[in-house]
């Protein structure tokens, strides 16, 4: 038995007038929306709908399709909590003393 799961690139959820709550998948956002709109003929008007956010989807998009955040080849230093110029300069220095101790 094959237990492989297939996830569509886009997924939305809608609640209908007949009380049903259904998921709609698509290869594009437009395809998922048009499938949802077509279901109104069978289930009545849509009370609400939204893009799915769960363990596999983020705002309707399958999480593996979302590009990772940019990786900078240098560290980003946040100095916003430093109150004085002396604190800023100290934060920019090497955190280790000459003997290697922090």
C-alpha atoms as a PDB file:
ATOM      1  CA  UNK A   1       0.000   0.000   0.000  1.00  0.00           C
ATOM      2  CA  UNK A   2       1.331   3.445  -0.943  1.00  0.00           C
ATOM      3  CA  UNK A   3       0.947   6.050   1.821  1.00  0.00           C
ATOM      4  CA  UNK A   4       2.305   8.950  -0.235  1.00  0.00           C
ATOM      5  CA  UNK A   5       0.340  12.178   0.154  1.00  0.00           C
ATOM      6  CA  UNK A   6      -0.084  14.662  -2.644  1.00  0.00           C
ATOM      7  CA  UNK A   7      -0.574  18.342  -1.827  1.00  0.00           C
ATOM      8  CA  UNK A   8      -1.991  20.805  -4.311  1.00  0.00           C
ATOM      9  CA  UNK A   9      -0.058  24.059  -4.701  1.00  0.00           C
ATOM     10  CA  UNK A  10      -3.041  26.149  -3.506  1.00  0.00           C
ATOM     11  CA  UNK A  11      -5.961  25.462  -1.127  1.00  0.00           C
ATOM     12  CA  UNK A  12      -8.919  27.478   0.113  1.00  0.00           C
ATOM     13  CA  UNK A  13     -11.819  26.678   2.438  1.00  0.00           C
ATOM     14  CA  UNK A  14     -15.432  27.865   2.283  1.00  0.00           C
ATOM     15  CA  UNK A  15     -18.593  27.555   4.352  1.00  0.00           C
ATOM     16  CA  UNK A  16     -21.836  27.334   2.384  1.00  0.00           C
ATOM     17  CA  UNK A  17     -25.487  28.121   3.067  1.00  0.00           C
ATOM     18  CA  UNK A  18     -26.338  24.408   3.376  1.00  0.00           C
ATOM     19  CA  UNK A  19     -23.923  24.100   6.336  1.00  0.00           C
ATOM     20  CA  UNK A  20     -21.128  22.341   4.501  1.00  0.00           C
ATOM     21  CA  UNK A  21     -17.528  23.402   4.924  1.00  0.00           C
ATOM     22  CA  UNK A  22     -15.334  22.290   2.027  1.00  0.00           C
ATOM     23  CA  UNK A  23     -11.718  22.523   0.875  1.00  0.00           C
ATOM     24  CA  UNK A  24     -10.831  23.420  -2.714  1.00  0.00           C
ATOM     25  CA  UNK A  25      -7.466  22.717  -4.315  1.00  0.00           C
ATOM     26  CA  UNK A  26      -5.925  24.101  -7.469  1.00  0.00           C
ATOM     27  CA  UNK A  27      -2.729  24.352  -9.453  1.00  0.00           C
ATOM     28  CA  UNK A  28      -3.203  28.143  -9.305  1.00  0.00           C
ATOM     29  CA  UNK A  29      -5.042  30.460  -6.913  1.00  0.00           C
ATOM     30  CA  UNK A  30      -7.542  31.239  -9.662  1.00  0.00           C
ATOM     31  CA  UNK A  31      -8.275  27.546 -10.234  1.00  0.00           C
ATOM     32  CA  UNK A  32      -8.938  26.949  -6.525  1.00  0.00           C
ATOM     33  CA  UNK A  33     -11.241  30.008  -6.389  1.00  0.00           C
ATOM     34  CA  UNK A  34     -13.159  29.056  -9.542  1.00  0.00           C
ATOM     35  CA  UNK A  35     -13.720  25.519  -8.207  1.00  0.00           C
ATOM     36  CA  UNK A  36     -15.056  27.028  -4.987  1.00  0.00           C
ATOM     37  CA  UNK A  37     -17.343  29.389  -6.924  1.00  0.00           C
ATOM     38  CA  UNK A  38     -18.668  26.486  -9.016  1.00  0.00           C
ATOM     39  CA  UNK A  39     -19.660  24.629  -5.829  1.00  0.00           C
ATOM     40  CA  UNK A  40     -22.144  27.407  -5.012  1.00  0.00           C
ATOM     41  CA  UNK A  41     -24.521  25.853  -7.553  1.00  0.00           C
ATOM     42  CA  UNK A  42     -24.810  22.702  -5.433  1.00  0.00           C
ATOM     43  CA  UNK A  43     -24.321  24.088  -1.882  1.00  0.00           C
ATOM     44  CA  UNK A  44     -25.800  27.605  -2.014  1.00  0.00           C
ATOM     45  CA  UNK A  45     -24.166  30.942  -1.295  1.00  0.00           C
ATOM     46  CA  UNK A  46     -20.770  31.173   0.380  1.00  0.00           C
ATOM     47  CA  UNK A  47     -21.016  32.447   3.953  1.00  0.00           C
ATOM     48  CA  UNK A  48     -17.256  32.947   4.236  1.00  0.00           C
ATOM     49  CA  UNK A  49     -14.074  31.701   2.614  1.00  0.00           C
ATOM     50  CA  UNK A  50     -10.351  32.047   3.216  1.00  0.00           C
ATOM     51  CA  UNK A  51      -6.998  30.663   2.143  1.00  0.00           C
ATOM     52  CA  UNK A  52      -5.999  27.694   4.306  1.00  0.00           C
ATOM     53  CA  UNK A  53      -3.297  28.073   6.951  1.00  0.00           C
ATOM     54  CA  UNK A  54      -2.318  24.847   8.708  1.00  0.00           C
ATOM     55  CA  UNK A  55       0.710  22.561   9.075  1.00  0.00           C
ATOM     56  CA  UNK A  56       1.039  22.243   5.268  1.00  0.00           C
ATOM     57  CA  UNK A  57      -0.289  25.566   3.951  1.00  0.00           C
ATOM     58  CA  UNK A  58       0.534  29.173   4.660  1.00  0.00           C
ATOM     59  CA  UNK A  59      -2.097  31.621   3.418  1.00  0.00           C
ATOM     60  CA  UNK A  60      -3.326  29.069   0.884  1.00  0.00           C
ATOM     61  CA  UNK A  61       0.096  28.217  -0.562  1.00  0.00           C
ATOM     62  CA  UNK A  62       1.814  24.874   0.012  1.00  0.00           C
ATOM     63  CA  UNK A  63       4.714  25.635   2.354  1.00  0.00           C
ATOM     64  CA  UNK A  64       7.390  23.890   0.243  1.00  0.00           C
ATOM     65  CA  UNK A  65       6.625  26.237  -2.658  1.00  0.00           C
ATOM     66  CA  UNK A  66       7.336  29.355  -0.590  1.00  0.00           C
ATOM     67  CA  UNK A  67      10.928  30.476  -1.159  1.00  0.00           C
ATOM     68  CA  UNK A  68      13.163  30.607   1.924  1.00  0.00           C
ATOM     69  CA  UNK A  69      14.055  33.993   3.377  1.00  0.00           C
ATOM     70  CA  UNK A  70      17.162  35.587   1.899  1.00  0.00           C
ATOM     71  CA  UNK A  71      20.477  34.442   3.304  1.00  0.00           C
ATOM     72  CA  UNK A  72      22.931  37.247   3.774  1.00  0.00           C
ATOM     73  CA  UNK A  73      26.643  36.417   3.549  1.00  0.00           C
ATOM     74  CA  UNK A  74      27.267  38.716   6.504  1.00  0.00           C
ATOM     75  CA  UNK A  75      25.676  39.013   9.954  1.00  0.00           C
ATOM     76  CA  UNK A  76      22.871  41.489  10.510  1.00  0.00           C
ATOM     77  CA  UNK A  77      23.434  43.389  13.750  1.00  0.00           C
ATOM     78  CA  UNK A  78      20.481  44.957  15.516  1.00  0.00           C
ATOM     79  CA  UNK A  79      21.633  47.997  17.467  1.00  0.00           C
ATOM     80  CA  UNK A  80      18.157  49.347  18.176  1.00  0.00           C
ATOM     81  CA  UNK A  81      18.346  48.425  21.880  1.00  0.00           C
ATOM     82  CA  UNK A  82      21.616  50.357  22.398  1.00  0.00           C
ATOM     83  CA  UNK A  83      20.923  53.641  24.179  1.00  0.00           C
ATOM     84  CA  UNK A  84      24.269  55.407  23.819  1.00  0.00           C
ATOM     85  CA  UNK A  85      27.010  55.597  21.219  1.00  0.00           C
ATOM     86  CA  UNK A  86      29.342  53.789  23.625  1.00  0.00           C
ATOM     87  CA  UNK A  87      26.938  50.833  23.815  1.00  0.00           C
ATOM     88  CA  UNK A  88      26.704  50.759  20.002  1.00  0.00           C
ATOM     89  CA  UNK A  89      30.485  50.689  19.627  1.00  0.00           C
ATOM     90  CA  UNK A  90      30.795  47.956  22.262  1.00  0.00           C
ATOM     91  CA  UNK A  91      28.126  45.864  20.449  1.00  0.00           C
ATOM     92  CA  UNK A  92      30.054  46.141  17.182  1.00  0.00           C
ATOM     93  CA  UNK A  93      33.303  44.861  18.712  1.00  0.00           C
ATOM     94  CA  UNK A  94      34.323  41.209  18.864  1.00  0.00           C
ATOM     95  CA  UNK A  95      32.422  39.630  21.780  1.00  0.00           C
ATOM     96  CA  UNK A  96      35.510  37.735  22.983  1.00  0.00           C
ATOM     97  CA  UNK A  97      38.309  39.185  25.066  1.00  0.00           C
ATOM     98  CA  UNK A  98      41.906  38.700  23.996  1.00  0.00           C
ATOM     99  CA  UNK A  99      42.164  35.535  26.083  1.00  0.00           C
ATOM    100  CA  UNK A 100      39.114  34.011  24.281  1.00  0.00           C
ATOM    101  CA  UNK A 101      36.682  34.405  27.176  1.00  0.00           C
ATOM    102  CA  UNK A 102      33.365  36.187  26.617  1.00  0.00           C
END
